[in-house]
Amino acid sequence: MRIKVCGMTSAAQVAQLDEMGVEFGGFIFYPHSPRYISRFMSRAELKKIKGKNINKVGVFVNASVEDVLQAVDDCGLYLVQLHGDETPKYCEKIADYVSVIKAFRIREDDNLLWKVKDYQEVADMFLFDTDGAGYGGTGKKFNWELLKDLDVHKPFFLSGGIGPEDIDKIKDFAGYPVAKDLFSLDVNSRLETSPGVKNMELVRDFVKQVKQI
């Protein structure tokens, strides 16, 4: 099972993730986030980050097309995650240049298939996260049972408050029909000591257990 560790702010910690076999490191380009990457390193420094396993994902919220594409070039991003209110037409413009993950914040009363239908042809992957105030992560899980029997027709990232205590829950999710399209887990705040600083011992143990599922 693939893993994305989001909200990275340290090249040294990204190198450790790479050694663990983590496939994706997320870097947040949203100025209102406490993990806004520009507070921690320059674009030139971010571009230098490379690894055997890890791929760089840029997370954007309602940025201009030009800003996103410039960041892709400046930072050597492999994927772009769109976490705001981006329209299908906007996603299509970005996807002409780089692979796109479109994020959706899930509420209990959502018709999820209706919510994603206009993005099926313009996004390469989806990400399902917990709905909350603003555009940042909530550190809380949504009800995964809402996905259980869906045929999403698209590889997706599962996000929202996932942490070490959820291994059994992840094992259960892996048995759901929807899990045939599960591309990667997405983790962040539950594995931190402070915003942007990961507890690498927690991360290492989490990665080891997930890779055994």
Protein backbone atom coordinates (compact mmCIF):
# COMPACT_ATOMS: atom_id res chain seq x y z
CA MET A 1 0.00 0.00 0.00
CA ARG A 2 1.41 3.38 -1.02
CA ILE A 3 1.83 6.24 1.45
CA LYS A 4 1.92 10.01 1.03
CA VAL A 5 3.25 12.03 3.95
CA CYS A 6 1.98 15.59 3.51
CA GLY A 7 3.03 18.91 5.01
CA MET A 8 6.76 18.27 4.67
CA THR A 9 9.07 21.18 5.51
CA SER A 10 12.49 19.56 5.93
CA ALA A 11 14.78 18.10 3.26
CA ALA A 12 16.37 15.84 5.88
CA GLN A 13 13.02 14.38 6.88
CA VAL A 14 12.10 13.84 3.21
CA ALA A 15 15.35 11.90 2.81
CA GLN A 16 14.33 9.71 5.75
CA LEU A 17 10.94 9.06 4.16
CA ASP A 18 12.71 8.05 0.97
CA GLU A 19 14.82 5.53 2.88
CA MET A 20 11.63 4.05 4.38
CA GLY A 21 10.15 3.53 0.91
CA VAL A 22 7.47 6.22 1.20
CA GLU A 23 6.24 7.02 -2.30
CA PHE A 24 4.99 10.61 -1.97
CA GLY A 25 5.99 13.71 -0.02
CA GLY A 26 3.50 16.57 0.03
CA PHE A 27 4.55 20.24 0.05
CA ILE A 28 1.92 22.85 0.78
CA PHE A 29 1.83 25.99 -1.37
CA TYR A 30 -1.12 27.56 0.45
CA PRO A 31 0.07 30.73 2.24
CA HIS A 32 -2.49 30.40 5.05
CA SER A 33 -1.19 26.98 6.10
CA PRO A 34 1.24 26.70 9.04
CA ARG A 35 3.11 24.24 6.78
CA TYR A 36 3.44 26.70 3.88
CA ILE A 37 6.64 25.51 2.26
CA SER A 38 7.97 28.97 1.38
CA ARG A 39 8.41 29.70 5.11
CA PHE A 40 10.85 26.80 5.38
CA MET A 41 12.85 26.59 2.16
CA SER A 42 13.36 28.29 -1.19
CA ARG A 43 12.06 26.86 -4.44
CA ALA A 44 15.63 26.14 -5.50
CA GLU A 45 16.16 24.10 -2.32
CA LEU A 46 12.93 22.20 -2.92
CA LYS A 47 13.92 21.45 -6.50
CA LYS A 48 17.13 19.80 -5.27
CA ILE A 49 15.17 17.27 -3.20
CA LYS A 50 15.24 13.94 -5.01
CA GLY A 51 15.10 10.31 -3.96
CA LYS A 52 14.93 6.72 -5.08
CA ASN A 53 11.32 6.21 -4.06
CA ILE A 54 9.73 9.50 -3.14
CA ASN A 55 7.88 11.81 -5.53
CA LYS A 56 7.13 15.46 -4.76
CA VAL A 57 3.48 16.55 -4.65
CA GLY A 58 2.56 20.24 -4.59
CA VAL A 59 -0.66 21.09 -2.72
CA PHE A 60 -2.48 24.21 -3.94
CA VAL A 61 -5.69 25.98 -2.94
CA ASN A 62 -7.41 28.20 -5.53
CA ALA A 63 -4.10 29.38 -6.98
CA SER A 64 -3.89 30.78 -10.50
CA VAL A 65 -3.03 28.35 -13.29
CA GLU A 66 0.12 30.34 -13.97
CA ASP A 67 1.28 30.13 -10.34
CA VAL A 68 0.75 26.37 -10.23
CA LEU A 69 2.61 25.69 -13.45
CA GLN A 70 5.45 27.98 -12.41
CA ALA A 71 5.79 26.09 -9.12
CA VAL A 72 5.85 22.77 -10.99
CA ASP A 73 8.84 24.00 -13.01
CA ASP A 74 10.59 25.84 -10.18
CA CYS A 75 10.32 22.97 -7.70
CA GLY A 76 10.38 19.85 -9.89
CA LEU A 77 6.94 18.66 -8.79
CA TYR A 78 5.76 15.23 -9.92
CA LEU A 79 2.07 15.70 -9.06
CA VAL A 80 -0.22 18.61 -8.27
CA GLN A 81 -2.97 18.29 -5.63
CA LEU A 82 -5.80 20.78 -5.98
CA HIS A 83 -7.45 21.20 -2.60
CA GLY A 84 -9.73 24.20 -3.13
CA ASP A 85 -12.78 25.01 -5.22
CA GLU A 86 -11.11 24.42 -8.57
CA THR A 87 -13.51 23.87 -11.49
CA PRO A 88 -13.27 21.00 -13.97
CA LYS A 89 -12.08 23.45 -16.63
CA TYR A 90 -9.32 24.68 -14.31
CA CYS A 91 -8.26 21.09 -13.55
CA GLU A 92 -8.12 20.32 -17.25
CA LYS A 93 -5.72 23.21 -17.87
CA ILE A 94 -3.37 21.95 -15.15
CA ALA A 95 -3.69 18.32 -16.28
CA ASP A 96 -2.49 19.27 -19.76
CA TYR A 97 0.88 19.97 -18.11
CA VAL A 98 1.19 17.72 -15.05
CA SER A 99 -0.77 14.90 -13.39
CA VAL A 100 -3.56 16.19 -11.15
CA ILE A 101 -5.04 14.96 -7.87
CA LYS A 102 -8.39 16.65 -7.18
CA ALA A 103 -9.31 16.72 -3.51
CA PHE A 104 -12.89 16.50 -2.22
CA ARG A 105 -13.96 17.25 1.34
CA ILE A 106 -16.57 14.70 2.39
CA ARG A 107 -19.68 15.37 4.46
CA GLU A 108 -22.01 12.74 5.91
CA ASP A 109 -24.86 13.68 3.53
CA ASP A 110 -22.77 13.85 0.33
CA ASN A 111 -23.65 12.01 -2.84
CA LEU A 112 -20.03 11.30 -3.57
CA LEU A 113 -20.38 9.95 -7.10
CA TRP A 114 -22.39 13.03 -8.07
CA LYS A 115 -19.75 15.25 -6.45
CA VAL A 116 -16.90 13.81 -8.53
CA LYS A 117 -18.66 13.10 -11.82
CA ASP A 118 -17.63 16.31 -13.61
CA TYR A 119 -13.99 15.66 -12.72
CA GLN A 120 -13.73 12.10 -14.02
CA GLU A 121 -12.26 13.15 -17.35
CA VAL A 122 -10.06 16.02 -16.16
CA ALA A 123 -8.29 14.67 -13.04
CA ASP A 124 -5.84 11.78 -12.94
CA MET A 125 -6.64 10.89 -9.34
CA PHE A 126 -8.97 11.91 -6.53
CA LEU A 127 -8.33 12.52 -2.83
CA PHE A 128 -11.03 12.15 -0.21
CA ASP A 129 -10.63 14.22 2.96
CA THR A 130 -12.73 15.35 5.90
CA ASP A 131 -14.91 18.42 5.49
CA GLY A 132 -14.18 21.29 7.85
CA ALA A 133 -13.86 25.04 8.15
CA GLY A 134 -11.44 26.53 5.63
CA TYR A 135 -9.23 24.52 3.30
CA GLY A 136 -6.70 22.94 5.63
CA GLY A 137 -6.74 19.48 7.10
CA THR A 138 -8.90 18.83 10.12
CA GLY A 139 -6.91 16.04 11.74
CA LYS A 140 -10.19 14.11 11.87
CA LYS A 141 -11.52 11.15 9.93
CA PHE A 142 -14.70 11.19 7.92
CA ASN A 143 -16.97 8.16 7.84
CA TRP A 144 -15.15 5.70 5.56
CA GLU A 145 -18.33 3.62 5.34
CA LEU A 146 -19.61 6.29 2.90
CA LEU A 147 -17.08 4.95 0.37
CA LYS A 148 -17.41 1.26 1.14
CA ASP A 149 -19.39 -0.02 -1.85
CA LEU A 150 -18.76 2.76 -4.37
CA ASP A 151 -17.19 2.27 -7.77
CA VAL A 152 -15.17 5.48 -8.02
CA HIS A 153 -13.65 4.66 -11.43
CA LYS A 154 -10.52 6.59 -10.48
CA PRO A 155 -7.43 5.91 -8.33
CA PHE A 156 -7.79 7.81 -5.06
CA PHE A 157 -5.89 8.91 -1.97
CA LEU A 158 -7.57 8.36 1.41
CA SER A 159 -6.94 11.25 3.77
CA GLY A 160 -8.19 12.88 6.96
CA GLY A 161 -6.76 12.31 10.43
CA ILE A 162 -5.11 8.96 9.68
CA GLY A 163 -2.62 7.89 12.33
CA PRO A 164 -0.90 4.92 13.99
CA GLU A 165 -4.04 3.95 15.89
CA ASP A 166 -5.87 3.31 12.60
CA ILE A 167 -3.98 0.25 11.34
CA ASP A 168 -6.89 -2.13 12.03
CA LYS A 169 -9.31 0.32 10.42
CA ILE A 170 -7.05 0.53 7.35
CA LYS A 171 -6.97 -3.28 7.15
CA ASP A 172 -10.78 -3.31 7.21
CA PHE A 173 -10.95 -0.62 4.51
CA ALA A 174 -8.59 -2.67 2.32
CA GLY A 175 -11.30 -5.33 2.24
CA TYR A 176 -14.05 -2.99 1.01
CA PRO A 177 -15.10 -3.13 -2.68
CA VAL A 178 -14.02 0.51 -3.13
CA ALA A 179 -10.46 -0.38 -2.14
CA LYS A 180 -9.77 -1.72 -5.64
CA ASP A 181 -9.25 1.95 -6.55
CA LEU A 182 -7.31 2.91 -3.39
CA PHE A 183 -4.04 4.35 -4.70
CA SER A 184 -2.45 5.68 -1.52
CA LEU A 185 -3.00 6.68 2.08
CA ASP A 186 -2.37 10.35 2.91
CA VAL A 187 -1.10 11.22 6.39
CA ASN A 188 -0.02 14.43 8.05
CA SER A 189 -0.82 15.93 11.45
CA ARG A 190 -1.29 12.68 13.42
CA LEU A 191 2.39 11.90 12.83
CA GLU A 192 3.77 15.30 13.87
CA THR A 193 5.43 16.82 16.92
CA SER A 194 4.54 20.31 15.63
CA PRO A 195 3.17 21.65 12.31
CA GLY A 196 5.51 20.52 9.55
CA VAL A 197 7.82 18.54 11.85
CA LYS A 198 7.19 14.81 11.70
CA ASN A 199 7.81 12.37 14.54
CA MET A 200 10.01 10.07 12.49
CA GLU A 201 9.78 7.16 14.91
CA LEU A 202 6.00 7.26 14.64
CA VAL A 203 6.26 7.56 10.86
CA ARG A 204 8.67 4.63 10.63
CA ASP A 205 6.44 2.36 12.70
CA PHE A 206 3.34 3.44 10.75
CA VAL A 207 5.02 2.81 7.39
CA LYS A 208 6.25 -0.61 8.51
CA GLN A 209 2.76 -1.68 9.58
CA VAL A 210 1.00 -0.30 6.49
CA LYS A 211 3.47 -2.00 4.15
CA GLN A 212 2.50 -5.32 5.70
CA ILE A 213 -1.21 -4.91 4.84
